[in-house]
C-alpha atoms as a PDB file:
ATOM      1  CA  UNK A   1     -16.207 -29.621  38.287  1.00  0.00           C
ATOM      2  CA  UNK A   2     -15.518 -26.918  35.816  1.00  0.00           C
ATOM      3  CA  UNK A   3     -12.529 -24.641  36.273  1.00  0.00           C
ATOM      4  CA  UNK A   4     -13.040 -20.979  36.358  1.00  0.00           C
ATOM      5  CA  UNK A   5     -12.248 -19.206  33.095  1.00  0.00           C
ATOM      6  CA  UNK A   6      -9.394 -16.710  33.446  1.00  0.00           C
ATOM      7  CA  UNK A   7     -11.581 -13.770  32.325  1.00  0.00           C
ATOM      8  CA  UNK A   8     -14.112 -14.627  35.028  1.00  0.00           C
ATOM      9  CA  UNK A   9     -11.393 -14.647  37.613  1.00  0.00           C
ATOM     10  CA  UNK A  10     -10.144 -11.346  36.434  1.00  0.00           C
ATOM     11  CA  UNK A  11     -13.619  -9.823  36.564  1.00  0.00           C
ATOM     12  CA  UNK A  12     -14.136 -11.151  40.055  1.00  0.00           C
ATOM     13  CA  UNK A  13     -10.888  -9.586  41.131  1.00  0.00           C
ATOM     14  CA  UNK A  14     -12.057  -6.266  39.782  1.00  0.00           C
ATOM     15  CA  UNK A  15     -15.344  -6.670  41.753  1.00  0.00           C
ATOM     16  CA  UNK A  16     -13.290  -7.498  44.829  1.00  0.00           C
ATOM     17  CA  UNK A  17     -11.313  -4.258  44.259  1.00  0.00           C
ATOM     18  CA  UNK A  18     -14.582  -2.335  43.968  1.00  0.00           C
ATOM     19  CA  UNK A  19     -15.776  -3.922  47.140  1.00  0.00           C
ATOM     20  CA  UNK A  20     -12.645  -2.841  48.936  1.00  0.00           C
ATOM     21  CA  UNK A  21     -13.088   0.739  47.639  1.00  0.00           C
ATOM     22  CA  UNK A  22     -16.705   0.697  48.807  1.00  0.00           C
ATOM     23  CA  UNK A  23     -15.676  -0.483  52.279  1.00  0.00           C
ATOM     24  CA  UNK A  24     -13.033   2.261  52.426  1.00  0.00           C
ATOM     25  CA  UNK A  25     -15.610   4.905  51.405  1.00  0.00           C
ATOM     26  CA  UNK A  26     -18.040   3.680  54.076  1.00  0.00           C
ATOM     27  CA  UNK A  27     -15.348   3.786  56.696  1.00  0.00           C
ATOM     28  CA  UNK A  28     -14.539   7.384  55.599  1.00  0.00           C
ATOM     29  CA  UNK A  29     -18.172   8.356  55.691  1.00  0.00           C
ATOM     30  CA  UNK A  30     -18.590   6.901  59.209  1.00  0.00           C
ATOM     31  CA  UNK A  31     -15.530   8.798  60.407  1.00  0.00           C
ATOM     32  CA  UNK A  32     -17.105  11.993  59.064  1.00  0.00           C
ATOM     33  CA  UNK A  33     -20.312  11.069  60.851  1.00  0.00           C
ATOM     34  CA  UNK A  34     -18.342  10.922  64.077  1.00  0.00           C
ATOM     35  CA  UNK A  35     -17.158  14.460  63.467  1.00  0.00           C
ATOM     36  CA  UNK A  36     -20.718  15.485  62.794  1.00  0.00           C
ATOM     37  CA  UNK A  37     -21.812  13.881  66.104  1.00  0.00           C
ATOM     38  CA  UNK A  38     -19.084  15.855  67.915  1.00  0.00           C
ATOM     39  CA  UNK A  39     -20.266  19.141  66.409  1.00  0.00           C
ATOM     40  CA  UNK A  40     -23.874  18.351  67.188  1.00  0.00           C
ATOM     41  CA  UNK A  41     -23.047  17.356  70.791  1.00  0.00           C
ATOM     42  CA  UNK A  42     -21.059  20.547  71.328  1.00  0.00           C
ATOM     43  CA  UNK A  43     -23.984  22.615  70.136  1.00  0.00           C
ATOM     44  CA  UNK A  44     -26.695  20.541  71.894  1.00  0.00           C
ATOM     45  CA  UNK A  45     -28.343  19.481  68.639  1.00  0.00           C
ATOM     46  CA  UNK A  46     -30.245  16.341  68.040  1.00  0.00           C
ATOM     47  CA  UNK A  47     -28.430  13.569  66.198  1.00  0.00           C
ATOM     48  CA  UNK A  48     -31.341  12.836  63.904  1.00  0.00           C
ATOM     49  CA  UNK A  49     -32.034  15.362  61.204  1.00  0.00           C
ATOM     50  CA  UNK A  50     -34.912  13.975  59.156  1.00  0.00           C
ATOM     51  CA  UNK A  51     -34.688  16.758  56.499  1.00  0.00           C
ATOM     52  CA  UNK A  52     -30.991  15.913  55.980  1.00  0.00           C
ATOM     53  CA  UNK A  53     -31.726  12.157  55.862  1.00  0.00           C
ATOM     54  CA  UNK A  54     -34.508  12.763  53.229  1.00  0.00           C
ATOM     55  CA  UNK A  55     -32.140  14.930  51.161  1.00  0.00           C
ATOM     56  CA  UNK A  56     -29.429  12.237  51.241  1.00  0.00           C
ATOM     57  CA  UNK A  57     -31.881   9.545  50.195  1.00  0.00           C
ATOM     58  CA  UNK A  58     -33.199  11.748  47.358  1.00  0.00           C
ATOM     59  CA  UNK A  59     -29.646  12.430  46.235  1.00  0.00           C
ATOM     60  CA  UNK A  60     -28.808   8.743  46.186  1.00  0.00           C
ATOM     61  CA  UNK A  61     -31.980   7.911  44.284  1.00  0.00           C
ATOM     62  CA  UNK A  62     -31.054  10.533  41.665  1.00  0.00           C
ATOM     63  CA  UNK A  63     -27.474   9.253  41.383  1.00  0.00           C
ATOM     64  CA  UNK A  64     -28.789   5.737  40.841  1.00  0.00           C
ATOM     65  CA  UNK A  65     -31.309   6.928  38.242  1.00  0.00           C
ATOM     66  CA  UNK A  66     -28.595   8.850  36.325  1.00  0.00           C
ATOM     67  CA  UNK A  67     -26.541   5.668  36.143  1.00  0.00           C
ATOM     68  CA  UNK A  68     -29.459   3.496  34.887  1.00  0.00           C
ATOM     69  CA  UNK A  69     -29.930   1.824  38.240  1.00  0.00           C
ATOM     70  CA  UNK A  70     -33.141   1.408  40.278  1.00  0.00           C
ATOM     71  CA  UNK A  71     -33.550   4.622  42.325  1.00  0.00           C
ATOM     72  CA  UNK A  72     -35.241   2.723  45.095  1.00  0.00           C
ATOM     73  CA  UNK A  73     -32.016   0.749  45.572  1.00  0.00           C
ATOM     74  CA  UNK A  74     -30.290   4.108  45.876  1.00  0.00           C
ATOM     75  CA  UNK A  75     -32.729   5.050  48.610  1.00  0.00           C
ATOM     76  CA  UNK A  76     -32.211   1.682  50.291  1.00  0.00           C
ATOM     77  CA  UNK A  77     -28.441   2.183  50.222  1.00  0.00           C
ATOM     78  CA  UNK A  78     -28.819   5.704  51.674  1.00  0.00           C
ATOM     79  CA  UNK A  79     -30.940   4.361  54.483  1.00  0.00           C
ATOM     80  CA  UNK A  80     -28.368   1.710  55.324  1.00  0.00           C
ATOM     81  CA  UNK A  81     -25.508   4.216  55.307  1.00  0.00           C
ATOM     82  CA  UNK A  82     -27.528   6.576  57.463  1.00  0.00           C
ATOM     83  CA  UNK A  83     -28.296   3.793  59.925  1.00  0.00           C
ATOM     84  CA  UNK A  84     -24.610   2.843  60.151  1.00  0.00           C
ATOM     85  CA  UNK A  85     -23.629   6.509  60.639  1.00  0.00           C
ATOM     86  CA  UNK A  86     -26.319   7.064  63.325  1.00  0.00           C
ATOM     87  CA  UNK A  87     -25.210   3.996  65.227  1.00  0.00           C
ATOM     88  CA  UNK A  88     -21.707   5.374  65.362  1.00  0.00           C
ATOM     89  CA  UNK A  89     -22.920   8.870  66.161  1.00  0.00           C
ATOM     90  CA  UNK A  90     -24.913   7.497  69.090  1.00  0.00           C
ATOM     91  CA  UNK A  91     -21.788   5.766  70.315  1.00  0.00           C
ATOM     92  CA  UNK A  92     -19.922   9.058  70.197  1.00  0.00           C
ATOM     93  CA  UNK A  93     -22.813  10.886  71.895  1.00  0.00           C
ATOM     94  CA  UNK A  94     -23.057   8.301  74.624  1.00  0.00           C
ATOM     95  CA  UNK A  95     -19.342   8.559  75.421  1.00  0.00           C
ATOM     96  CA  UNK A  96     -19.573  12.323  75.751  1.00  0.00           C
END
């Protein structure tokens, strides 16, 4: 079995650090979604805002395109983040 070259280990450690930052950013985004759910519940508004979801997906697609990444992957990521946020928002809404 080959040993891992030091530079590969270092690069993997950097990826792990990026993954930690991504998880932190998702947690922050979900916390903000809870605040959004509270405001919506206080005002009797629906949790789902399709126009906003479309705008978020479009923005992610553009960000990915600007960085030389596949914009469809940006849309996929946006859809996943929205689904995670909506799941949390529904939990907040149900507990109200």
